[in-house]
Structure formats: structure tokens, C-alpha cells
PDB file of N, CA and C in Angstrom:
ATOM      1  N   UNK A   1       3.937  14.149 -13.330  1.00  0.00           N
ATOM      2  CA  UNK A   1       4.566  12.912 -12.888  1.00  0.00           C
ATOM      3  C   UNK A   1       5.197  12.227 -14.080  1.00  0.00           C
ATOM      4  N   UNK A   2       6.455  11.862 -13.974  1.00  0.00           N
ATOM      5  CA  UNK A   2       7.106  11.150 -15.067  1.00  0.00           C
ATOM      6  C   UNK A   2       6.836   9.657 -14.948  1.00  0.00           C
ATOM      7  N   UNK A   3       6.904   8.968 -16.060  1.00  0.00           N
ATOM      8  CA  UNK A   3       6.648   7.535 -16.080  1.00  0.00           C
ATOM      9  C   UNK A   3       7.671   6.828 -15.206  1.00  0.00           C
ATOM     10  N   UNK A   4       7.207   5.811 -14.484  1.00  0.00           N
ATOM     11  CA  UNK A   4       8.105   5.011 -13.676  1.00  0.00           C
ATOM     12  C   UNK A   4       8.426   5.590 -12.313  1.00  0.00           C
ATOM     13  N   UNK A   5       7.777   6.652 -11.910  1.00  0.00           N
ATOM     14  CA  UNK A   5       8.038   7.265 -10.614  1.00  0.00           C
ATOM     15  C   UNK A   5       6.825   7.121  -9.706  1.00  0.00           C
ATOM     16  N   UNK A   6       7.095   6.949  -8.427  1.00  0.00           N
ATOM     17  CA  UNK A   6       6.040   6.912  -7.422  1.00  0.00           C
ATOM     18  C   UNK A   6       5.997   8.283  -6.758  1.00  0.00           C
ATOM     19  N   UNK A   7       4.833   8.894  -6.732  1.00  0.00           N
ATOM     20  CA  UNK A   7       4.664  10.197  -6.113  1.00  0.00           C
ATOM     21  C   UNK A   7       3.646  10.045  -4.992  1.00  0.00           C
ATOM     22  N   UNK A   8       4.125  10.000  -3.749  1.00  0.00           N
ATOM     23  CA  UNK A   8       3.255   9.774  -2.600  1.00  0.00           C
ATOM     24  C   UNK A   8       2.211  10.875  -2.449  1.00  0.00           C
ATOM     25  N   UNK A   9       2.572  12.088  -2.767  1.00  0.00           N
ATOM     26  CA  UNK A   9       1.613  13.198  -2.655  1.00  0.00           C
ATOM     27  C   UNK A   9       0.420  12.960  -3.588  1.00  0.00           C
ATOM     28  N   UNK A  10       0.678  12.516  -4.800  1.00  0.00           N
ATOM     29  CA  UNK A  10      -0.408  12.229  -5.749  1.00  0.00           C
ATOM     30  C   UNK A  10      -1.217  11.030  -5.279  1.00  0.00           C
ATOM     31  N   UNK A  11      -0.535   9.985  -4.802  1.00  0.00           N
ATOM     32  CA  UNK A  11      -1.255   8.801  -4.296  1.00  0.00           C
ATOM     33  C   UNK A  11      -2.211   9.212  -3.191  1.00  0.00           C
ATOM     34  N   UNK A  12      -1.736   9.995  -2.253  1.00  0.00           N
ATOM     35  CA  UNK A  12      -2.586  10.419  -1.131  1.00  0.00           C
ATOM     36  C   UNK A  12      -3.762  11.271  -1.608  1.00  0.00           C
ATOM     37  N   UNK A  13      -3.514  12.152  -2.544  1.00  0.00           N
ATOM     38  CA  UNK A  13      -4.604  12.980  -3.072  1.00  0.00           C
ATOM     39  C   UNK A  13      -5.676  12.105  -3.742  1.00  0.00           C
ATOM     40  N   UNK A  14      -5.242  11.159  -4.549  1.00  0.00           N
ATOM     41  CA  UNK A  14      -6.196  10.290  -5.245  1.00  0.00           C
ATOM     42  C   UNK A  14      -6.989   9.442  -4.257  1.00  0.00           C
ATOM     43  N   UNK A  15      -6.331   8.930  -3.229  1.00  0.00           N
ATOM     44  CA  UNK A  15      -7.047   8.128  -2.232  1.00  0.00           C
ATOM     45  C   UNK A  15      -8.028   9.007  -1.460  1.00  0.00           C
ATOM     46  N   UNK A  16      -7.618  10.203  -1.081  1.00  0.00           N
ATOM     47  CA  UNK A  16      -8.517  11.128  -0.368  1.00  0.00           C
ATOM     48  C   UNK A  16      -9.770  11.425  -1.179  1.00  0.00           C
ATOM     49  N   UNK A  17      -9.624  11.461  -2.490  1.00  0.00           N
ATOM     50  CA  UNK A  17     -10.762  11.803  -3.353  1.00  0.00           C
ATOM     51  C   UNK A  17     -11.457  10.560  -3.906  1.00  0.00           C
ATOM     52  N   UNK A  18     -11.106   9.396  -3.368  1.00  0.00           N
ATOM     53  CA  UNK A  18     -11.802   8.160  -3.742  1.00  0.00           C
ATOM     54  C   UNK A  18     -11.414   7.563  -5.077  1.00  0.00           C
ATOM     55  N   UNK A  19     -10.309   8.012  -5.634  1.00  0.00           N
ATOM     56  CA  UNK A  19      -9.889   7.500  -6.942  1.00  0.00           C
ATOM     57  C   UNK A  19      -8.868   6.375  -6.787  1.00  0.00           C
ATOM     58  N   UNK A  20      -9.383   5.277  -6.245  1.00  0.00           N
ATOM     59  CA  UNK A  20      -8.562   4.081  -6.097  1.00  0.00           C
ATOM     60  C   UNK A  20      -9.467   2.859  -6.161  1.00  0.00           C
ATOM     61  N   UNK A  21      -8.853   1.736  -6.439  1.00  0.00           N
ATOM     62  CA  UNK A  21      -9.605   0.481  -6.432  1.00  0.00           C
ATOM     63  C   UNK A  21      -8.766  -0.601  -5.783  1.00  0.00           C
ATOM     64  N   UNK A  22      -9.475  -1.493  -5.117  1.00  0.00           N
ATOM     65  CA  UNK A  22      -8.844  -2.632  -4.471  1.00  0.00           C
ATOM     66  C   UNK A  22      -8.908  -3.783  -5.463  1.00  0.00           C
ATOM     67  N   UNK A  23      -7.755  -4.259  -5.889  1.00  0.00           N
ATOM     68  CA  UNK A  23      -7.699  -5.359  -6.854  1.00  0.00           C
ATOM     69  C   UNK A  23      -8.239  -6.638  -6.200  1.00  0.00           C
ATOM     70  N   UNK A  24      -8.607  -7.578  -7.010  1.00  0.00           N
ATOM     71  CA  UNK A  24      -9.221  -8.809  -6.520  1.00  0.00           C
ATOM     72  C   UNK A  24      -8.332  -9.516  -5.493  1.00  0.00           C
ATOM     73  N   UNK A  25      -7.036  -9.617  -5.780  1.00  0.00           N
ATOM     74  CA  UNK A  25      -6.113 -10.273  -4.849  1.00  0.00           C
ATOM     75  C   UNK A  25      -6.131  -9.574  -3.486  1.00  0.00           C
ATOM     76  N   UNK A  26      -6.047  -8.254  -3.490  1.00  0.00           N
ATOM     77  CA  UNK A  26      -6.041  -7.493  -2.238  1.00  0.00           C
ATOM     78  C   UNK A  26      -7.363  -7.661  -1.501  1.00  0.00           C
ATOM     79  N   UNK A  27      -8.453  -7.665  -2.232  1.00  0.00           N
ATOM     80  CA  UNK A  27      -9.768  -7.851  -1.599  1.00  0.00           C
ATOM     81  C   UNK A  27      -9.833  -9.200  -0.888  1.00  0.00           C
ATOM     82  N   UNK A  28      -9.343 -10.240  -1.542  1.00  0.00           N
ATOM     83  CA  UNK A  28      -9.327 -11.570  -0.928  1.00  0.00           C
ATOM     84  C   UNK A  28      -8.474 -11.577   0.338  1.00  0.00           C
ATOM     85  N   UNK A  29      -7.318 -10.927   0.285  1.00  0.00           N
ATOM     86  CA  UNK A  29      -6.448 -10.863   1.469  1.00  0.00           C
ATOM     87  C   UNK A  29      -7.104 -10.066   2.591  1.00  0.00           C
ATOM     88  N   UNK A  30      -7.847  -9.027   2.253  1.00  0.00           N
ATOM     89  CA  UNK A  30      -8.566  -8.252   3.267  1.00  0.00           C
ATOM     90  C   UNK A  30      -9.535  -9.151   4.029  1.00  0.00           C
ATOM     91  N   UNK A  31     -10.251  -9.973   3.309  1.00  0.00           N
ATOM     92  CA  UNK A  31     -11.215 -10.886   3.936  1.00  0.00           C
ATOM     93  C   UNK A  31     -10.479 -11.888   4.834  1.00  0.00           C
ATOM     94  N   UNK A  32      -9.436 -12.503   4.299  1.00  0.00           N
ATOM     95  CA  UNK A  32      -8.679 -13.517   5.040  1.00  0.00           C
ATOM     96  C   UNK A  32      -8.005 -12.949   6.290  1.00  0.00           C
ATOM     97  N   UNK A  33      -7.585 -11.695   6.223  1.00  0.00           N
ATOM     98  CA  UNK A  33      -6.748 -11.117   7.275  1.00  0.00           C
ATOM     99  C   UNK A  33      -7.463 -10.085   8.139  1.00  0.00           C
ATOM    100  N   UNK A  34      -8.774  -9.972   7.972  1.00  0.00           N
ATOM    101  CA  UNK A  34      -9.576  -9.045   8.781  1.00  0.00           C
ATOM    102  C   UNK A  34      -9.052  -7.617   8.663  1.00  0.00           C
ATOM    103  N   UNK A  35      -8.892  -7.166   7.421  1.00  0.00           N
ATOM    104  CA  UNK A  35      -8.428  -5.812   7.124  1.00  0.00           C
ATOM    105  C   UNK A  35      -9.564  -5.070   6.441  1.00  0.00           C
ATOM    106  N   UNK A  36      -9.782  -3.834   6.848  1.00  0.00           N
ATOM    107  CA  UNK A  36     -10.891  -3.040   6.349  1.00  0.00           C
ATOM    108  C   UNK A  36     -10.409  -1.908   5.436  1.00  0.00           C
ATOM    109  N   UNK A  37     -11.319  -1.384   4.643  1.00  0.00           N
ATOM    110  CA  UNK A  37     -11.001  -0.277   3.741  1.00  0.00           C
ATOM    111  C   UNK A  37     -10.444   0.907   4.520  1.00  0.00           C
ATOM    112  N   UNK A  38     -11.021   1.210   5.673  1.00  0.00           N
ATOM    113  CA  UNK A  38     -10.509   2.313   6.499  1.00  0.00           C
ATOM    114  C   UNK A  38      -9.062   2.072   6.919  1.00  0.00           C
ATOM    115  N   UNK A  39      -8.711   0.813   7.166  1.00  0.00           N
ATOM    116  CA  UNK A  39      -7.331   0.477   7.528  1.00  0.00           C
ATOM    117  C   UNK A  39      -6.381   0.805   6.382  1.00  0.00           C
ATOM    118  N   UNK A  40      -6.785   0.440   5.174  1.00  0.00           N
ATOM    119  CA  UNK A  40      -5.961   0.701   3.989  1.00  0.00           C
ATOM    120  C   UNK A  40      -5.781   2.201   3.785  1.00  0.00           C
ATOM    121  N   UNK A  41      -6.863   2.942   3.899  1.00  0.00           N
ATOM    122  CA  UNK A  41      -6.781   4.394   3.747  1.00  0.00           C
ATOM    123  C   UNK A  41      -5.866   4.996   4.806  1.00  0.00           C
ATOM    124  N   UNK A  42      -5.950   4.502   6.040  1.00  0.00           N
ATOM    125  CA  UNK A  42      -5.083   4.974   7.118  1.00  0.00           C
ATOM    126  C   UNK A  42      -3.617   4.791   6.747  1.00  0.00           C
ATOM    127  N   UNK A  43      -3.271   3.610   6.256  1.00  0.00           N
ATOM    128  CA  UNK A  43      -1.876   3.330   5.893  1.00  0.00           C
ATOM    129  C   UNK A  43      -1.413   4.269   4.782  1.00  0.00           C
ATOM    130  N   UNK A  44      -2.233   4.441   3.769  1.00  0.00           N
ATOM    131  CA  UNK A  44      -1.822   5.279   2.641  1.00  0.00           C
ATOM    132  C   UNK A  44      -1.742   6.755   3.035  1.00  0.00           C
ATOM    133  N   UNK A  45      -2.704   7.230   3.782  1.00  0.00           N
ATOM    134  CA  UNK A  45      -2.746   8.656   4.102  1.00  0.00           C
ATOM    135  C   UNK A  45      -1.772   9.069   5.204  1.00  0.00           C
ATOM    136  N   UNK A  46      -1.458   8.143   6.109  1.00  0.00           N
ATOM    137  CA  UNK A  46      -0.632   8.506   7.263  1.00  0.00           C
ATOM    138  C   UNK A  46       0.668   7.716   7.384  1.00  0.00           C
ATOM    139  N   UNK A  47       0.820   6.686   6.586  1.00  0.00           N
ATOM    140  CA  UNK A  47       1.953   5.786   6.731  1.00  0.00           C
ATOM    141  C   UNK A  47       3.237   6.257   6.080  1.00  0.00           C
ATOM    142  N   UNK A  48       4.234   5.393   6.189  1.00  0.00           N
ATOM    143  CA  UNK A  48       5.565   5.651   5.653  1.00  0.00           C
ATOM    144  C   UNK A  48       5.835   4.713   4.484  1.00  0.00           C
ATOM    145  N   UNK A  49       6.601   5.198   3.524  1.00  0.00           N
ATOM    146  CA  UNK A  49       7.039   4.343   2.428  1.00  0.00           C
ATOM    147  C   UNK A  49       8.184   3.478   2.953  1.00  0.00           C
ATOM    148  N   UNK A  50       8.011   2.167   2.860  1.00  0.00           N
ATOM    149  CA  UNK A  50       9.041   1.228   3.287  1.00  0.00           C
ATOM    150  C   UNK A  50       9.960   0.907   2.116  1.00  0.00           C
ATOM    151  N   UNK A  51       9.375   0.741   0.932  1.00  0.00           N
ATOM    152  CA  UNK A  51      10.179   0.507  -0.267  1.00  0.00           C
ATOM    153  C   UNK A  51       9.370   0.844  -1.508  1.00  0.00           C
ATOM    154  N   UNK A  52      10.084   1.047  -2.605  1.00  0.00           N
ATOM    155  CA  UNK A  52       9.444   1.256  -3.897  1.00  0.00           C
ATOM    156  C   UNK A  52      10.074   0.300  -4.900  1.00  0.00           C
ATOM    157  N   UNK A  53       9.314  -0.020  -5.922  1.00  0.00           N
ATOM    158  CA  UNK A  53       9.835  -0.819  -7.031  1.00  0.00           C
ATOM    159  C   UNK A  53       9.473  -0.093  -8.317  1.00  0.00           C
ATOM    160  N   UNK A  54      10.392   0.744  -8.764  1.00  0.00           N
ATOM    161  CA  UNK A  54      10.167   1.563  -9.956  1.00  0.00           C
ATOM    162  C   UNK A  54      10.100   0.722 -11.228  1.00  0.00           C
ATOM    163  N   UNK A  55      10.619  -0.515 -11.157  1.00  0.00           N
ATOM    164  CA  UNK A  55      10.698  -1.358 -12.347  1.00  0.00           C
ATOM    165  C   UNK A  55       9.599  -2.403 -12.403  1.00  0.00           C
ATOM    166  N   UNK A  56       8.698  -2.391 -11.429  1.00  0.00           N
ATOM    167  CA  UNK A  56       7.603  -3.358 -11.434  1.00  0.00           C
ATOM    168  C   UNK A  56       6.716  -3.118 -12.648  1.00  0.00           C
ATOM    169  N   UNK A  57       6.214  -4.169 -13.238  1.00  0.00           N
ATOM    170  CA  UNK A  57       5.360  -4.077 -14.431  1.00  0.00           C
ATOM    171  C   UNK A  57       3.968  -4.580 -14.113  1.00  0.00           C
ATOM    172  N   UNK A  58       2.922  -3.995 -14.624  1.00  0.00           N
ATOM    173  CA  UNK A  58       2.910  -2.936 -15.617  1.00  0.00           C
ATOM    174  C   UNK A  58       3.088  -1.531 -15.030  1.00  0.00           C
ATOM    175  N   UNK A  59       3.014  -1.399 -13.688  1.00  0.00           N
ATOM    176  CA  UNK A  59       3.157  -0.087 -13.051  1.00  0.00           C
ATOM    177  C   UNK A  59       4.139  -0.170 -11.893  1.00  0.00           C
ATOM    178  N   UNK A  60       4.875   0.904 -11.623  1.00  0.00           N
ATOM    179  CA  UNK A  60       5.716   0.938 -10.427  1.00  0.00           C
ATOM    180  C   UNK A  60       4.842   0.792  -9.177  1.00  0.00           C
ATOM    181  N   UNK A  61       5.409   0.202  -8.131  1.00  0.00           N
ATOM    182  CA  UNK A  61       4.653   0.005  -6.891  1.00  0.00           C
ATOM    183  C   UNK A  61       5.408   0.596  -5.706  1.00  0.00           C
ATOM    184  N   UNK A  62       4.666   0.794  -4.632  1.00  0.00           N
ATOM    185  CA  UNK A  62       5.298   1.170  -3.378  1.00  0.00           C
ATOM    186  C   UNK A  62       4.652   0.395  -2.247  1.00  0.00           C
ATOM    187  N   UNK A  63       5.450   0.122  -1.234  1.00  0.00           N
ATOM    188  CA  UNK A  63       5.001  -0.572  -0.030  1.00  0.00           C
ATOM    189  C   UNK A  63       4.945   0.466   1.073  1.00  0.00           C
ATOM    190  N   UNK A  64       3.767   0.619   1.644  1.00  0.00           N
ATOM    191  CA  UNK A  64       3.563   1.583   2.730  1.00  0.00           C
ATOM    192  C   UNK A  64       3.222   0.828   4.002  1.00  0.00           C
ATOM    193  N   UNK A  65       3.570   1.402   5.151  1.00  0.00           N
ATOM    194  CA  UNK A  65       3.272   0.795   6.440  1.00  0.00           C
ATOM    195  C   UNK A  65       2.823   1.863   7.414  1.00  0.00           C
ATOM    196  N   UNK A  66       1.842   1.486   8.237  1.00  0.00           N
ATOM    197  CA  UNK A  66       1.449   2.312   9.367  1.00  0.00           C
ATOM    198  C   UNK A  66       0.899   1.381  10.434  1.00  0.00           C
ATOM    199  N   UNK A  67       0.914   1.839  11.663  1.00  0.00           N
ATOM    200  CA  UNK A  67       0.348   1.035  12.742  1.00  0.00           C
ATOM    201  C   UNK A  67      -1.166   1.203  12.742  1.00  0.00           C
ATOM    202  N   UNK A  68      -1.853   0.078  12.682  1.00  0.00           N
ATOM    203  CA  UNK A  68      -3.318   0.036  12.690  1.00  0.00           C
ATOM    204  C   UNK A  68      -3.712  -0.970  13.756  1.00  0.00           C
ATOM    205  N   UNK A  69      -4.585  -0.558  14.637  1.00  0.00           N
ATOM    206  CA  UNK A  69      -4.987  -1.430  15.748  1.00  0.00           C
ATOM    207  C   UNK A  69      -3.750  -1.956  16.484  1.00  0.00           C
ATOM    208  N   UNK A  70      -2.787  -1.087  16.670  1.00  0.00           N
ATOM    209  CA  UNK A  70      -1.553  -1.336  17.427  1.00  0.00           C
ATOM    210  C   UNK A  70      -0.593  -2.332  16.792  1.00  0.00           C
ATOM    211  N   UNK A  71      -0.759  -2.608  15.494  1.00  0.00           N
ATOM    212  CA  UNK A  71       0.200  -3.478  14.817  1.00  0.00           C
ATOM    213  C   UNK A  71       0.480  -2.961  13.408  1.00  0.00           C
ATOM    214  N   UNK A  72       1.671  -3.246  12.892  1.00  0.00           N
ATOM    215  CA  UNK A  72       2.025  -2.758  11.559  1.00  0.00           C
ATOM    216  C   UNK A  72       1.170  -3.414  10.476  1.00  0.00           C
ATOM    217  N   UNK A  73       0.635  -2.581   9.612  1.00  0.00           N
ATOM    218  CA  UNK A  73      -0.130  -3.050   8.461  1.00  0.00           C
ATOM    219  C   UNK A  73       0.554  -2.505   7.216  1.00  0.00           C
ATOM    220  N   UNK A  74       0.678  -3.358   6.187  1.00  0.00           N
ATOM    221  CA  UNK A  74       1.354  -3.013   4.948  1.00  0.00           C
ATOM    222  C   UNK A  74       0.358  -2.985   3.801  1.00  0.00           C
ATOM    223  N   UNK A  75       0.553  -2.029   2.912  1.00  0.00           N
ATOM    224  CA  UNK A  75      -0.261  -1.900   1.705  1.00  0.00           C
ATOM    225  C   UNK A  75       0.692  -1.718   0.530  1.00  0.00           C
ATOM    226  N   UNK A  76       0.510  -2.554  -0.480  1.00  0.00           N
ATOM    227  CA  UNK A  76       1.247  -2.388  -1.725  1.00  0.00           C
ATOM    228  C   UNK A  76       0.298  -1.740  -2.716  1.00  0.00           C
ATOM    229  N   UNK A  77       0.713  -0.612  -3.292  1.00  0.00           N
ATOM    230  CA  UNK A  77      -0.145   0.059  -4.250  1.00  0.00           C
ATOM    231  C   UNK A  77       0.654   0.478  -5.483  1.00  0.00           C
ATOM    232  N   UNK A  78      -0.081   0.689  -6.554  1.00  0.00           N
ATOM    233  CA  UNK A  78       0.502   1.137  -7.819  1.00  0.00           C
ATOM    234  C   UNK A  78      -0.235   2.391  -8.253  1.00  0.00           C
ATOM    235  N   UNK A  79       0.488   3.277  -8.912  1.00  0.00           N
ATOM    236  CA  UNK A  79      -0.068   4.542  -9.362  1.00  0.00           C
ATOM    237  C   UNK A  79      -0.109   4.583 -10.876  1.00  0.00           C
ATOM    238  N   UNK A  80      -1.322   4.775 -11.399  1.00  0.00           N
ATOM    239  CA  UNK A  80      -1.503   5.038 -12.819  1.00  0.00           C
ATOM    240  C   UNK A  80      -1.660   6.550 -12.944  1.00  0.00           C
ATOM    241  N   UNK A  81      -2.010   7.052 -14.107  1.00  0.00           N
ATOM    242  CA  UNK A  81      -2.105   8.508 -14.290  1.00  0.00           C
ATOM    243  C   UNK A  81      -3.000   9.178 -13.256  1.00  0.00           C
ATOM    244  N   UNK A  82      -4.240   8.722 -13.133  1.00  0.00           N
ATOM    245  CA  UNK A  82      -5.183   9.346 -12.206  1.00  0.00           C
ATOM    246  C   UNK A  82      -5.905   8.316 -11.357  1.00  0.00           C
ATOM    247  N   UNK A  83      -5.215   7.232 -11.025  1.00  0.00           N
ATOM    248  CA  UNK A  83      -5.858   6.158 -10.285  1.00  0.00           C
ATOM    249  C   UNK A  83      -4.812   5.403  -9.480  1.00  0.00           C
ATOM    250  N   UNK A  84      -5.205   4.959  -8.287  1.00  0.00           N
ATOM    251  CA  UNK A  84      -4.337   4.141  -7.443  1.00  0.00           C
ATOM    252  C   UNK A  84      -4.942   2.749  -7.369  1.00  0.00           C
ATOM    253  N   UNK A  85      -4.094   1.752  -7.520  1.00  0.00           N
ATOM    254  CA  UNK A  85      -4.524   0.360  -7.420  1.00  0.00           C
ATOM    255  C   UNK A  85      -3.915  -0.251  -6.162  1.00  0.00           C
ATOM    256  N   UNK A  86      -4.764  -0.827  -5.318  1.00  0.00           N
ATOM    257  CA  UNK A  86      -4.295  -1.536  -4.130  1.00  0.00           C
ATOM    258  C   UNK A  86      -4.025  -2.967  -4.569  1.00  0.00           C
ATOM    259  N   UNK A  87      -2.766  -3.383  -4.512  1.00  0.00           N
ATOM    260  CA  UNK A  87      -2.338  -4.677  -5.030  1.00  0.00           C
ATOM    261  C   UNK A  87      -2.488  -5.786  -3.983  1.00  0.00           C
ATOM    262  N   UNK A  88      -2.002  -5.533  -2.773  1.00  0.00           N
ATOM    263  CA  UNK A  88      -2.150  -6.498  -1.685  1.00  0.00           C
ATOM    264  C   UNK A  88      -2.014  -5.788  -0.348  1.00  0.00           C
ATOM    265  N   UNK A  89      -2.425  -6.476   0.700  1.00  0.00           N
ATOM    266  CA  UNK A  89      -2.366  -5.948   2.064  1.00  0.00           C
ATOM    267  C   UNK A  89      -1.997  -7.091   3.004  1.00  0.00           C
ATOM    268  N   UNK A  90      -1.207  -6.773   4.022  1.00  0.00           N
ATOM    269  CA  UNK A  90      -0.860  -7.819   4.985  1.00  0.00           C
ATOM    270  C   UNK A  90      -0.360  -7.208   6.286  1.00  0.00           C
ATOM    271  N   UNK A  91      -0.488  -7.999   7.353  1.00  0.00           N
ATOM    272  CA  UNK A  91      -0.014  -7.616   8.674  1.00  0.00           C
ATOM    273  C   UNK A  91       1.461  -7.987   8.818  1.00  0.00           C
ATOM    274  N   UNK A  92       2.108  -7.359   9.760  1.00  0.00           N
ATOM    275  CA  UNK A  92       3.495  -7.647  10.118  1.00  0.00           C
ATOM    276  C   UNK A  92       3.654  -9.125  10.474  1.00  0.00           C
ATOM    277  N   UNK A  93       4.702  -9.749   9.935  1.00  0.00           N
ATOM    278  CA  UNK A  93       5.047 -11.135  10.237  1.00  0.00           C
ATOM    279  C   UNK A  93       6.512 -11.148  10.660  1.00  0.00           C
ATOM    280  N   UNK A  94       6.800 -11.394  11.959  1.00  0.00           N
ATOM    281  CA  UNK A  94       8.185 -11.316  12.433  1.00  0.00           C
ATOM    282  C   UNK A  94       9.122 -12.319  11.769  1.00  0.00           C
ATOM    283  N   UNK A  95       8.592 -13.352  11.136  1.00  0.00           N
ATOM    284  CA  UNK A  95       9.463 -14.293  10.434  1.00  0.00           C
ATOM    285  C   UNK A  95       9.958 -13.712   9.106  1.00  0.00           C
ATOM    286  N   UNK A  96       9.312 -12.632   8.633  1.00  0.00           N
ATOM    287  CA  UNK A  96       9.681 -12.022   7.359  1.00  0.00           C
ATOM    288  C   UNK A  96      10.305 -10.632   7.501  1.00  0.00           C
ATOM    289  N   UNK A  97      10.228 -10.085   8.724  1.00  0.00           N
ATOM    290  CA  UNK A  97      10.703  -8.726   8.964  1.00  0.00           C
ATOM    291  C   UNK A  97      11.625  -8.693  10.176  1.00  0.00           C
ATOM    292  N   UNK A  98      12.686  -7.890  10.106  1.00  0.00           N
ATOM    293  CA  UNK A  98      13.549  -7.665  11.261  1.00  0.00           C
ATOM    294  C   UNK A  98      12.827  -6.754  12.246  1.00  0.00           C
ATOM    295  N   UNK A  99      12.219  -5.719  11.708  1.00  0.00           N
ATOM    296  CA  UNK A  99      11.358  -4.804  12.452  1.00  0.00           C
ATOM    297  C   UNK A  99      10.337  -4.287  11.439  1.00  0.00           C
ATOM    298  N   UNK A 100       9.380  -3.471  11.830  1.00  0.00           N
ATOM    299  CA  UNK A 100       8.337  -3.071  10.882  1.00  0.00           C
ATOM    300  C   UNK A 100       8.824  -2.334   9.636  1.00  0.00           C
ATOM    301  N   UNK A 101      10.084  -1.870   9.622  1.00  0.00           N
ATOM    302  CA  UNK A 101      10.594  -1.119   8.491  1.00  0.00           C
ATOM    303  C   UNK A 101      11.639  -1.860   7.656  1.00  0.00           C
ATOM    304  N   UNK A 102      12.123  -3.007   8.160  1.00  0.00           N
ATOM    305  CA  UNK A 102      13.212  -3.717   7.469  1.00  0.00           C
ATOM    306  C   UNK A 102      12.853  -5.182   7.260  1.00  0.00           C
ATOM    307  N   UNK A 103      12.864  -5.614   5.968  1.00  0.00           N
ATOM    308  CA  UNK A 103      12.613  -7.021   5.645  1.00  0.00           C
ATOM    309  C   UNK A 103      13.828  -7.867   5.980  1.00  0.00           C
ATOM    310  N   UNK A 104      13.580  -9.130   6.268  1.00  0.00           N
ATOM    311  CA  UNK A 104      14.680 -10.089   6.495  1.00  0.00           C
ATOM    312  C   UNK A 104      15.332 -10.448   5.184  1.00  0.00           C
TER     313      UNK A 104
END
């Protein structure tokens, strides 16, 4: 993997093998929004990449989405060499999205 690139295959492998951590901000949002660890894993392992930010610092990030409990759930994650960081999580908000794949 070259620096500054998001590799979904590597992200999924690391999550499958438990090599990820939920950052404090994401953990707080999980509590506030009734989101579970299994939900996050579902989005990462089965979801679609909605966007990437190769220039985000300190690590590039990607936004993934999948339907969980019949509604779109989003996970922002960052990939380090051998670790995935869950940055934040949130449910679909129609005031911010045209549809589950396109932001307003």
C-alpha cells in the first residue's frame, strides 16, 4: 500500500481480524445514536465507499455506507499500516443527503 491511498481490501481484512479501534469521538457517537460494533463491522465489510479523502491528515479517510436495520449507516475510517481507526459514525440525515450515496 502506498502512502495516502485507501485500500478497501486491506481495511476489510484488518476489520475481519479485529485490528481496528473505535476512536473516542466515534464511541461517543455510537452511544448517542444507538449504533453497535456489529453495525460498524457490517458497514465496513459489506458496504460501499461513498467518498475518500486522500489528503486528510494525519491519515487518509474513507466514508462507507451500508443499510443497517433498514436505514443507511455511515462509517468514517482511516487506514494506518496495519490498523483501522473508526473516526465517526452516523445515520442518514435527509437534510444533509440527496440520497444515501450523494451529499447535498
